[in-house]
Amino acid sequence: MTLGEFRGEVLRGTEWFGHDFAGQRVAVVAPGREAAQIVPEVVATARSVKVFQEEPDWVVPMPVPGPDVLGIAVARVFLRWQVKDPWVRRLLTPDRRFGSRRTAPGLGYYGALRRPGCKLITWPVYAFAPHGIRTAEGIEHQADVVVLGASSLFAPEGRPA
């Protein structure tokens, strides 16, 4: 999939850091571990933020040393404490075991998702339209800026990355 049709600004990897998002509609396309780092910073100044979650990751308030059983307990309690809506909590829960991939230290992530103007989108990205992102269910989400996580595989133009 390419970004060829999108007419807005595209920021990759850490290019979002220090960027002025004031008054902009921002789309963040990243797995949970990267979104947990990006979203709290972006939502602070952007007009609106849509988080296109490629896949959820375990988010913890701080690194958890010790066995995976302790880590999963901390991650589950943190999620339940931060996200009251059971449906949203389910969307944010990975279906793989804790420790099979890096966890995301994200003290402000769940709080950022609750802010007005921030929305979690779990439908897959289908295409980049001139003024935003079209998801698999056919909805086009308007955006001025697209922030791609470092592991997102989208080519600027031509063939997919």
N, C-alpha and C. Protein backbone atom coordinates (compact mmCIF):
# COMPACT_ATOMS: atom_id res chain seq x y z
N MET A 1 0.86 -1.17 0.00
CA MET A 1 0.00 0.00 0.00
C MET A 1 0.90 1.23 0.00
N THR A 2 0.47 2.24 -0.73
CA THR A 2 1.29 3.45 -0.82
C THR A 2 0.58 4.66 -0.24
N LEU A 3 1.35 5.70 -0.01
CA LEU A 3 0.81 6.97 0.48
C LEU A 3 0.61 7.94 -0.67
N GLY A 4 0.77 7.47 -1.91
CA GLY A 4 0.77 8.32 -3.09
C GLY A 4 -0.35 9.33 -3.20
N GLU A 5 -1.58 9.00 -2.84
CA GLU A 5 -2.71 9.91 -3.00
C GLU A 5 -2.83 10.94 -1.88
N PHE A 6 -2.25 10.67 -0.73
CA PHE A 6 -2.43 11.55 0.42
C PHE A 6 -1.72 12.88 0.17
N ARG A 7 -2.44 13.99 0.33
CA ARG A 7 -1.90 15.32 0.05
C ARG A 7 -1.37 16.04 1.28
N GLY A 8 -1.60 15.47 2.45
CA GLY A 8 -1.14 16.12 3.68
C GLY A 8 0.30 15.77 3.99
N GLU A 9 0.70 16.10 5.19
CA GLU A 9 2.06 15.86 5.65
C GLU A 9 2.15 14.45 6.24
N VAL A 10 3.25 13.78 5.96
CA VAL A 10 3.50 12.44 6.50
C VAL A 10 4.78 12.48 7.33
N LEU A 11 4.67 12.04 8.57
CA LEU A 11 5.82 11.97 9.47
C LEU A 11 6.09 10.51 9.79
N ARG A 12 7.33 10.07 9.62
CA ARG A 12 7.70 8.67 9.86
C ARG A 12 8.60 8.54 11.08
N GLY A 13 8.50 7.40 11.73
CA GLY A 13 9.39 7.14 12.86
C GLY A 13 9.29 8.21 13.93
N THR A 14 10.40 8.86 14.21
CA THR A 14 10.43 9.89 15.26
C THR A 14 10.31 11.30 14.71
N GLU A 15 9.97 11.46 13.44
CA GLU A 15 9.82 12.81 12.87
C GLU A 15 8.71 13.60 13.55
N TRP A 16 7.80 12.93 14.22
CA TRP A 16 6.70 13.61 14.91
C TRP A 16 7.19 14.37 16.13
N PHE A 17 8.32 13.95 16.69
CA PHE A 17 8.80 14.54 17.93
C PHE A 17 9.17 16.01 17.71
N GLY A 18 8.56 16.89 18.50
CA GLY A 18 8.81 18.32 18.38
C GLY A 18 7.99 19.02 17.31
N HIS A 19 7.18 18.27 16.57
CA HIS A 19 6.34 18.86 15.52
C HIS A 19 5.18 19.62 16.17
N ASP A 20 4.78 20.72 15.58
CA ASP A 20 3.65 21.51 16.09
C ASP A 20 2.36 20.99 15.46
N PHE A 21 1.54 20.30 16.24
CA PHE A 21 0.28 19.75 15.76
C PHE A 21 -0.92 20.64 16.07
N ALA A 22 -0.68 21.84 16.54
CA ALA A 22 -1.76 22.74 16.97
C ALA A 22 -2.81 22.91 15.88
N GLY A 23 -4.05 22.59 16.22
CA GLY A 23 -5.18 22.77 15.32
C GLY A 23 -5.28 21.78 14.18
N GLN A 24 -4.44 20.76 14.15
CA GLN A 24 -4.45 19.81 13.04
C GLN A 24 -5.22 18.54 13.38
N ARG A 25 -5.75 17.93 12.32
CA ARG A 25 -6.38 16.61 12.43
C ARG A 25 -5.28 15.60 12.14
N VAL A 26 -4.99 14.76 13.13
CA VAL A 26 -3.84 13.86 13.04
C VAL A 26 -4.31 12.41 13.02
N ALA A 27 -3.73 11.63 12.12
CA ALA A 27 -3.95 10.18 12.08
C ALA A 27 -2.65 9.51 12.48
N VAL A 28 -2.70 8.65 13.49
CA VAL A 28 -1.53 7.91 13.94
C VAL A 28 -1.73 6.46 13.52
N VAL A 29 -0.83 5.93 12.69
CA VAL A 29 -0.90 4.55 12.23
C VAL A 29 0.30 3.83 12.81
N ALA A 30 0.05 3.01 13.82
CA ALA A 30 1.16 2.36 14.52
C ALA A 30 0.65 1.22 15.38
N PRO A 31 1.52 0.23 15.66
CA PRO A 31 1.13 -0.78 16.64
C PRO A 31 1.07 -0.15 18.02
N GLY A 32 0.44 -0.81 18.96
CA GLY A 32 0.22 -0.27 20.29
C GLY A 32 1.45 0.23 21.00
N ARG A 33 2.57 -0.50 20.89
CA ARG A 33 3.78 -0.09 21.62
C ARG A 33 4.31 1.24 21.12
N GLU A 34 4.13 1.54 19.83
CA GLU A 34 4.58 2.82 19.29
C GLU A 34 3.53 3.90 19.53
N ALA A 35 2.27 3.55 19.38
CA ALA A 35 1.19 4.51 19.63
C ALA A 35 1.24 5.00 21.07
N ALA A 36 1.62 4.12 22.00
CA ALA A 36 1.69 4.50 23.41
C ALA A 36 2.70 5.62 23.65
N GLN A 37 3.70 5.71 22.79
CA GLN A 37 4.69 6.77 22.90
C GLN A 37 4.24 8.04 22.17
N ILE A 38 3.59 7.88 21.03
CA ILE A 38 3.24 9.00 20.15
C ILE A 38 1.99 9.75 20.63
N VAL A 39 0.92 9.02 20.90
CA VAL A 39 -0.40 9.62 21.13
C VAL A 39 -0.45 10.62 22.28
N PRO A 40 0.12 10.33 23.46
CA PRO A 40 0.03 11.33 24.54
C PRO A 40 0.64 12.68 24.17
N GLU A 41 1.69 12.69 23.37
CA GLU A 41 2.32 13.94 22.95
C GLU A 41 1.47 14.67 21.91
N VAL A 42 0.95 13.93 20.95
CA VAL A 42 0.19 14.54 19.85
C VAL A 42 -1.15 15.08 20.33
N VAL A 43 -1.86 14.33 21.17
CA VAL A 43 -3.20 14.70 21.60
C VAL A 43 -3.20 15.99 22.43
N ALA A 44 -2.06 16.34 22.98
CA ALA A 44 -1.98 17.54 23.83
C ALA A 44 -2.27 18.82 23.06
N THR A 45 -1.95 18.86 21.75
CA THR A 45 -2.15 20.10 20.98
C THR A 45 -3.00 19.94 19.73
N ALA A 46 -3.16 18.73 19.24
CA ALA A 46 -3.90 18.53 17.99
C ALA A 46 -5.39 18.82 18.16
N ARG A 47 -6.03 19.21 17.07
CA ARG A 47 -7.48 19.43 17.08
C ARG A 47 -8.20 18.10 17.30
N SER A 48 -7.75 17.08 16.59
CA SER A 48 -8.30 15.74 16.77
C SER A 48 -7.22 14.72 16.43
N VAL A 49 -7.34 13.55 17.04
CA VAL A 49 -6.39 12.46 16.79
C VAL A 49 -7.18 11.18 16.59
N LYS A 50 -6.88 10.48 15.51
CA LYS A 50 -7.44 9.15 15.27
C LYS A 50 -6.28 8.18 15.28
N VAL A 51 -6.40 7.18 16.15
CA VAL A 51 -5.34 6.20 16.32
C VAL A 51 -5.75 4.94 15.57
N PHE A 52 -5.06 4.66 14.47
CA PHE A 52 -5.33 3.47 13.68
C PHE A 52 -4.41 2.38 14.23
N GLN A 53 -4.96 1.59 15.14
CA GLN A 53 -4.18 0.58 15.86
C GLN A 53 -3.97 -0.62 14.96
N GLU A 54 -2.74 -0.83 14.55
CA GLU A 54 -2.43 -1.98 13.71
C GLU A 54 -2.61 -3.28 14.49
N GLU A 55 -2.20 -3.27 15.74
CA GLU A 55 -2.41 -4.39 16.65
C GLU A 55 -2.14 -3.90 18.07
N PRO A 56 -2.86 -4.44 19.04
CA PRO A 56 -2.62 -4.00 20.42
C PRO A 56 -1.34 -4.62 20.98
N ASP A 57 -0.75 -3.93 21.91
CA ASP A 57 0.41 -4.44 22.64
C ASP A 57 0.16 -4.25 24.12
N TRP A 58 0.86 -5.01 24.94
CA TRP A 58 0.74 -4.84 26.38
C TRP A 58 1.38 -3.51 26.76
N VAL A 59 0.63 -2.69 27.49
CA VAL A 59 1.11 -1.38 27.94
C VAL A 59 1.23 -1.44 29.46
N VAL A 60 2.37 -1.02 29.96
CA VAL A 60 2.61 -1.01 31.40
C VAL A 60 3.03 0.39 31.83
N PRO A 61 2.75 0.77 33.08
CA PRO A 61 3.11 2.11 33.52
C PRO A 61 4.61 2.33 33.63
N MET A 62 5.36 1.24 33.79
CA MET A 62 6.82 1.31 33.90
C MET A 62 7.35 -0.08 33.57
N PRO A 63 8.63 -0.21 33.24
CA PRO A 63 9.17 -1.55 32.99
C PRO A 63 8.95 -2.47 34.20
N VAL A 64 8.58 -3.71 33.91
CA VAL A 64 8.28 -4.67 34.97
C VAL A 64 9.35 -5.76 34.97
N PRO A 65 10.25 -5.75 35.98
CA PRO A 65 11.25 -6.80 36.06
C PRO A 65 10.63 -8.08 36.60
N GLY A 66 11.27 -9.17 36.33
CA GLY A 66 10.79 -10.42 36.92
C GLY A 66 10.05 -11.28 35.92
N PRO A 67 9.37 -12.30 36.42
CA PRO A 67 8.70 -13.27 35.54
C PRO A 67 7.52 -12.67 34.78
N ASP A 68 7.20 -13.29 33.66
CA ASP A 68 6.10 -12.83 32.83
C ASP A 68 4.77 -12.80 33.57
N VAL A 69 4.59 -13.71 34.52
CA VAL A 69 3.33 -13.75 35.27
C VAL A 69 3.12 -12.45 36.04
N LEU A 70 4.19 -11.86 36.54
CA LEU A 70 4.09 -10.57 37.22
C LEU A 70 3.77 -9.46 36.21
N GLY A 71 4.44 -9.50 35.06
CA GLY A 71 4.21 -8.50 34.03
C GLY A 71 2.78 -8.51 33.52
N ILE A 72 2.23 -9.69 33.25
CA ILE A 72 0.85 -9.77 32.76
C ILE A 72 -0.12 -9.27 33.81
N ALA A 73 0.15 -9.56 35.07
CA ALA A 73 -0.73 -9.08 36.14
C ALA A 73 -0.71 -7.56 36.20
N VAL A 74 0.47 -6.97 36.13
CA VAL A 74 0.58 -5.51 36.15
C VAL A 74 -0.12 -4.90 34.94
N ALA A 75 0.11 -5.46 33.75
CA ALA A 75 -0.49 -4.93 32.53
C ALA A 75 -2.02 -5.02 32.58
N ARG A 76 -2.56 -6.14 33.05
CA ARG A 76 -4.02 -6.29 33.12
C ARG A 76 -4.65 -5.35 34.14
N VAL A 77 -4.03 -5.20 35.30
CA VAL A 77 -4.55 -4.29 36.32
C VAL A 77 -4.48 -2.85 35.82
N PHE A 78 -3.38 -2.49 35.18
CA PHE A 78 -3.22 -1.14 34.64
C PHE A 78 -4.29 -0.85 33.59
N LEU A 79 -4.54 -1.80 32.69
CA LEU A 79 -5.56 -1.63 31.66
C LEU A 79 -6.94 -1.47 32.28
N ARG A 80 -7.28 -2.34 33.23
CA ARG A 80 -8.59 -2.28 33.88
C ARG A 80 -8.77 -0.97 34.66
N TRP A 81 -7.73 -0.49 35.28
CA TRP A 81 -7.78 0.74 36.06
C TRP A 81 -7.94 1.96 35.15
N GLN A 82 -7.28 1.94 34.01
CA GLN A 82 -7.27 3.10 33.11
C GLN A 82 -8.44 3.13 32.13
N VAL A 83 -8.92 1.96 31.72
CA VAL A 83 -9.96 1.89 30.68
C VAL A 83 -11.19 1.22 31.28
N LYS A 84 -12.21 2.01 31.54
CA LYS A 84 -13.42 1.50 32.20
C LYS A 84 -14.36 0.77 31.24
N ASP A 85 -14.39 1.18 29.99
CA ASP A 85 -15.29 0.59 29.00
C ASP A 85 -14.78 -0.81 28.62
N PRO A 86 -15.57 -1.88 28.90
CA PRO A 86 -15.11 -3.24 28.63
C PRO A 86 -14.82 -3.50 27.15
N TRP A 87 -15.60 -2.90 26.26
CA TRP A 87 -15.38 -3.11 24.82
C TRP A 87 -14.06 -2.49 24.39
N VAL A 88 -13.78 -1.27 24.80
CA VAL A 88 -12.51 -0.62 24.46
C VAL A 88 -11.35 -1.38 25.09
N ARG A 89 -11.55 -1.85 26.31
CA ARG A 89 -10.52 -2.64 26.99
C ARG A 89 -10.20 -3.89 26.18
N ARG A 90 -11.22 -4.53 25.64
CA ARG A 90 -11.00 -5.73 24.81
C ARG A 90 -10.21 -5.37 23.55
N LEU A 91 -10.53 -4.23 22.93
CA LEU A 91 -9.81 -3.81 21.72
C LEU A 91 -8.34 -3.52 21.99
N LEU A 92 -8.03 -3.15 23.22
CA LEU A 92 -6.66 -2.82 23.60
C LEU A 92 -5.90 -4.00 24.20
N THR A 93 -6.54 -5.17 24.28
CA THR A 93 -5.90 -6.35 24.87
C THR A 93 -5.31 -7.24 23.79
N PRO A 94 -4.00 -7.48 23.83
CA PRO A 94 -3.37 -8.37 22.84
C PRO A 94 -3.83 -9.81 23.02
N ASP A 95 -3.78 -10.57 21.94
CA ASP A 95 -4.17 -11.98 22.02
C ASP A 95 -2.93 -12.89 22.05
N ARG A 96 -1.80 -12.34 22.39
CA ARG A 96 -0.58 -13.14 22.51
C ARG A 96 -0.06 -13.02 23.95
N ARG A 97 0.81 -13.92 24.31
CA ARG A 97 1.28 -13.94 25.69
C ARG A 97 2.18 -12.74 25.99
N PHE A 98 2.17 -12.35 27.23
CA PHE A 98 3.01 -11.24 27.70
C PHE A 98 4.47 -11.63 27.54
N GLY A 99 5.28 -10.71 27.06
CA GLY A 99 6.71 -10.96 26.90
C GLY A 99 7.09 -11.53 25.56
N SER A 100 6.12 -11.91 24.71
CA SER A 100 6.46 -12.44 23.40
C SER A 100 6.94 -11.33 22.47
N ARG A 101 6.59 -10.10 22.79
CA ARG A 101 7.09 -8.90 22.09
C ARG A 101 7.37 -7.84 23.14
N ARG A 102 8.03 -6.79 22.71
CA ARG A 102 8.32 -5.71 23.66
C ARG A 102 7.02 -5.14 24.21
N THR A 103 7.06 -4.75 25.47
CA THR A 103 5.92 -4.06 26.07
C THR A 103 6.11 -2.57 25.84
N ALA A 104 5.03 -1.83 26.03
CA ALA A 104 5.07 -0.39 25.82
C ALA A 104 4.98 0.32 27.16
N PRO A 105 6.03 1.06 27.54
CA PRO A 105 5.87 1.89 28.73
C PRO A 105 5.01 3.08 28.34
N GLY A 106 3.82 3.15 28.85
CA GLY A 106 2.89 4.17 28.39
C GLY A 106 1.99 4.69 29.48
N LEU A 107 2.54 5.38 30.43
CA LEU A 107 1.75 5.89 31.54
C LEU A 107 0.60 6.79 31.07
N GLY A 108 0.79 7.58 30.02
CA GLY A 108 -0.24 8.51 29.57
C GLY A 108 -1.09 8.04 28.40
N TYR A 109 -0.82 6.84 27.88
CA TYR A 109 -1.50 6.38 26.66
C TYR A 109 -3.01 6.21 26.84
N TYR A 110 -3.42 5.43 27.82
CA TYR A 110 -4.85 5.18 28.00
C TYR A 110 -5.60 6.46 28.34
N GLY A 111 -5.00 7.33 29.11
CA GLY A 111 -5.61 8.62 29.42
C GLY A 111 -5.77 9.47 28.17
N ALA A 112 -4.78 9.43 27.28
CA ALA A 112 -4.85 10.19 26.03
C ALA A 112 -5.99 9.68 25.15
N LEU A 113 -6.21 8.36 25.15
CA LEU A 113 -7.29 7.79 24.34
C LEU A 113 -8.67 8.22 24.85
N ARG A 114 -8.76 8.59 26.12
CA ARG A 114 -10.05 9.02 26.70
C ARG A 114 -10.33 10.50 26.45
N ARG A 115 -9.36 11.24 25.98
CA ARG A 115 -9.55 12.68 25.81
C ARG A 115 -10.52 12.98 24.68
N PRO A 116 -11.29 14.07 24.81
CA PRO A 116 -12.18 14.47 23.71
C PRO A 116 -11.35 14.72 22.46
N GLY A 117 -11.86 14.28 21.35
CA GLY A 117 -11.15 14.49 20.09
C GLY A 117 -10.18 13.38 19.74
N CYS A 118 -10.05 12.37 20.62
CA CYS A 118 -9.17 11.24 20.33
C CYS A 118 -10.03 9.99 20.17
N LYS A 119 -9.78 9.25 19.10
CA LYS A 119 -10.60 8.07 18.82
C LYS A 119 -9.71 6.91 18.40
N LEU A 120 -10.01 5.73 18.94
CA LEU A 120 -9.31 4.50 18.58
C LEU A 120 -10.03 3.84 17.41
N ILE A 121 -9.30 3.57 16.34
CA ILE A 121 -9.85 2.91 15.15
C ILE A 121 -9.15 1.56 15.02
N THR A 122 -9.91 0.48 14.99
CA THR A 122 -9.29 -0.85 14.89
C THR A 122 -9.52 -1.50 13.52
N TRP A 123 -10.28 -0.87 12.66
CA TRP A 123 -10.44 -1.39 11.30
C TRP A 123 -9.12 -1.21 10.56
N PRO A 124 -8.73 -2.17 9.73
CA PRO A 124 -7.47 -2.04 8.99
C PRO A 124 -7.51 -0.88 8.00
N VAL A 125 -6.34 -0.27 7.80
CA VAL A 125 -6.21 0.78 6.79
C VAL A 125 -6.31 0.12 5.43
N TYR A 126 -7.23 0.61 4.60
CA TYR A 126 -7.43 0.06 3.27
C TYR A 126 -6.68 0.88 2.22
N ALA A 127 -6.74 2.21 2.34
CA ALA A 127 -6.10 3.08 1.35
C ALA A 127 -5.87 4.46 1.93
N PHE A 128 -4.90 5.15 1.35
CA PHE A 128 -4.68 6.55 1.69
C PHE A 128 -5.37 7.37 0.62
N ALA A 129 -6.32 8.19 1.04
CA ALA A 129 -7.08 9.06 0.14
C ALA A 129 -6.40 10.43 0.13
N PRO A 130 -6.78 11.31 -0.80
CA PRO A 130 -6.15 12.63 -0.84
C PRO A 130 -6.25 13.41 0.48
N HIS A 131 -7.36 13.24 1.21
CA HIS A 131 -7.56 14.03 2.42
C HIS A 131 -7.65 13.19 3.69
N GLY A 132 -7.11 11.97 3.65
CA GLY A 132 -7.16 11.15 4.85
C GLY A 132 -6.92 9.68 4.59
N ILE A 133 -7.53 8.86 5.44
CA ILE A 133 -7.33 7.42 5.40
C ILE A 133 -8.68 6.73 5.26
N ARG A 134 -8.75 5.77 4.34
CA ARG A 134 -9.96 4.96 4.18
C ARG A 134 -9.69 3.60 4.82
N THR A 135 -10.61 3.20 5.70
CA THR A 135 -10.47 1.91 6.37
C THR A 135 -11.25 0.84 5.63
N ALA A 136 -11.04 -0.41 6.02
CA ALA A 136 -11.63 -1.55 5.34
C ALA A 136 -13.15 -1.52 5.32
N GLU A 137 -13.80 -0.86 6.31
CA GLU A 137 -15.26 -0.82 6.30
C GLU A 137 -15.79 0.30 5.42
N GLY A 138 -14.88 1.04 4.75
CA GLY A 138 -15.29 2.04 3.76
C GLY A 138 -15.39 3.47 4.24
N ILE A 139 -15.06 3.73 5.49
CA ILE A 139 -15.14 5.10 6.01
C ILE A 139 -13.83 5.82 5.71
N GLU A 140 -13.96 7.06 5.22
CA GLU A 140 -12.77 7.89 5.01
C GLU A 140 -12.63 8.84 6.19
N HIS A 141 -11.51 8.75 6.87
CA HIS A 141 -11.22 9.57 8.04
C HIS A 141 -10.32 10.72 7.61
N GLN A 142 -10.79 11.95 7.76
CA GLN A 142 -10.05 13.13 7.35
C GLN A 142 -8.82 13.35 8.23
N ALA A 143 -7.72 13.78 7.61
CA ALA A 143 -6.49 14.06 8.35
C ALA A 143 -5.66 15.09 7.59
N ASP A 144 -5.03 15.96 8.36
CA ASP A 144 -4.07 16.92 7.80
C ASP A 144 -2.66 16.34 7.84
N VAL A 145 -2.41 15.51 8.85
CA VAL A 145 -1.09 14.91 9.07
C VAL A 145 -1.27 13.43 9.38
N VAL A 146 -0.41 12.59 8.78
CA VAL A 146 -0.37 11.17 9.12
C VAL A 146 0.98 10.91 9.79
N VAL A 147 0.92 10.32 10.99
CA VAL A 147 2.13 9.92 11.71
C VAL A 147 2.21 8.40 11.61
N LEU A 148 3.28 7.91 11.01
CA LEU A 148 3.49 6.47 10.87
C LEU A 148 4.50 6.00 11.89
N GLY A 149 4.16 4.94 12.59
CA GLY A 149 5.12 4.35 13.51
C GLY A 149 6.32 3.83 12.73
N ALA A 150 7.43 3.67 13.40
CA ALA A 150 8.67 3.23 12.74
C ALA A 150 8.52 1.88 12.07
N SER A 151 7.63 1.03 12.58
CA SER A 151 7.47 -0.31 12.00
C SER A 151 6.34 -0.39 10.97
N SER A 152 5.67 0.72 10.68
CA SER A 152 4.61 0.72 9.67
C SER A 152 5.22 0.61 8.28
N LEU A 153 4.68 -0.28 7.47
CA LEU A 153 5.26 -0.55 6.16
C LEU A 153 4.43 0.08 5.04
N PHE A 154 4.56 1.38 4.88
CA PHE A 154 3.87 2.07 3.80
C PHE A 154 4.90 2.82 2.98
N ALA A 155 4.85 2.63 1.67
CA ALA A 155 5.79 3.30 0.77
C ALA A 155 5.28 4.68 0.42
N PRO A 156 6.18 5.66 0.22
CA PRO A 156 5.75 7.00 -0.14
C PRO A 156 4.97 7.02 -1.45
N GLU A 157 5.41 6.27 -2.43
CA GLU A 157 4.69 6.17 -3.70
C GLU A 157 5.16 4.90 -4.40
N GLY A 158 4.46 4.52 -5.44
CA GLY A 158 4.86 3.32 -6.16
C GLY A 158 4.46 2.06 -5.43
N ARG A 159 5.40 1.13 -5.32
CA ARG A 159 5.11 -0.17 -4.73
C ARG A 159 5.12 -0.15 -3.22
N PRO A 160 4.40 -1.08 -2.61
CA PRO A 160 4.42 -1.18 -1.14
C PRO A 160 5.83 -1.42 -0.62
N ALA A 161 6.08 -0.96 0.59
CA ALA A 161 7.40 -1.16 1.22
C ALA A 161 7.59 -2.61 1.61
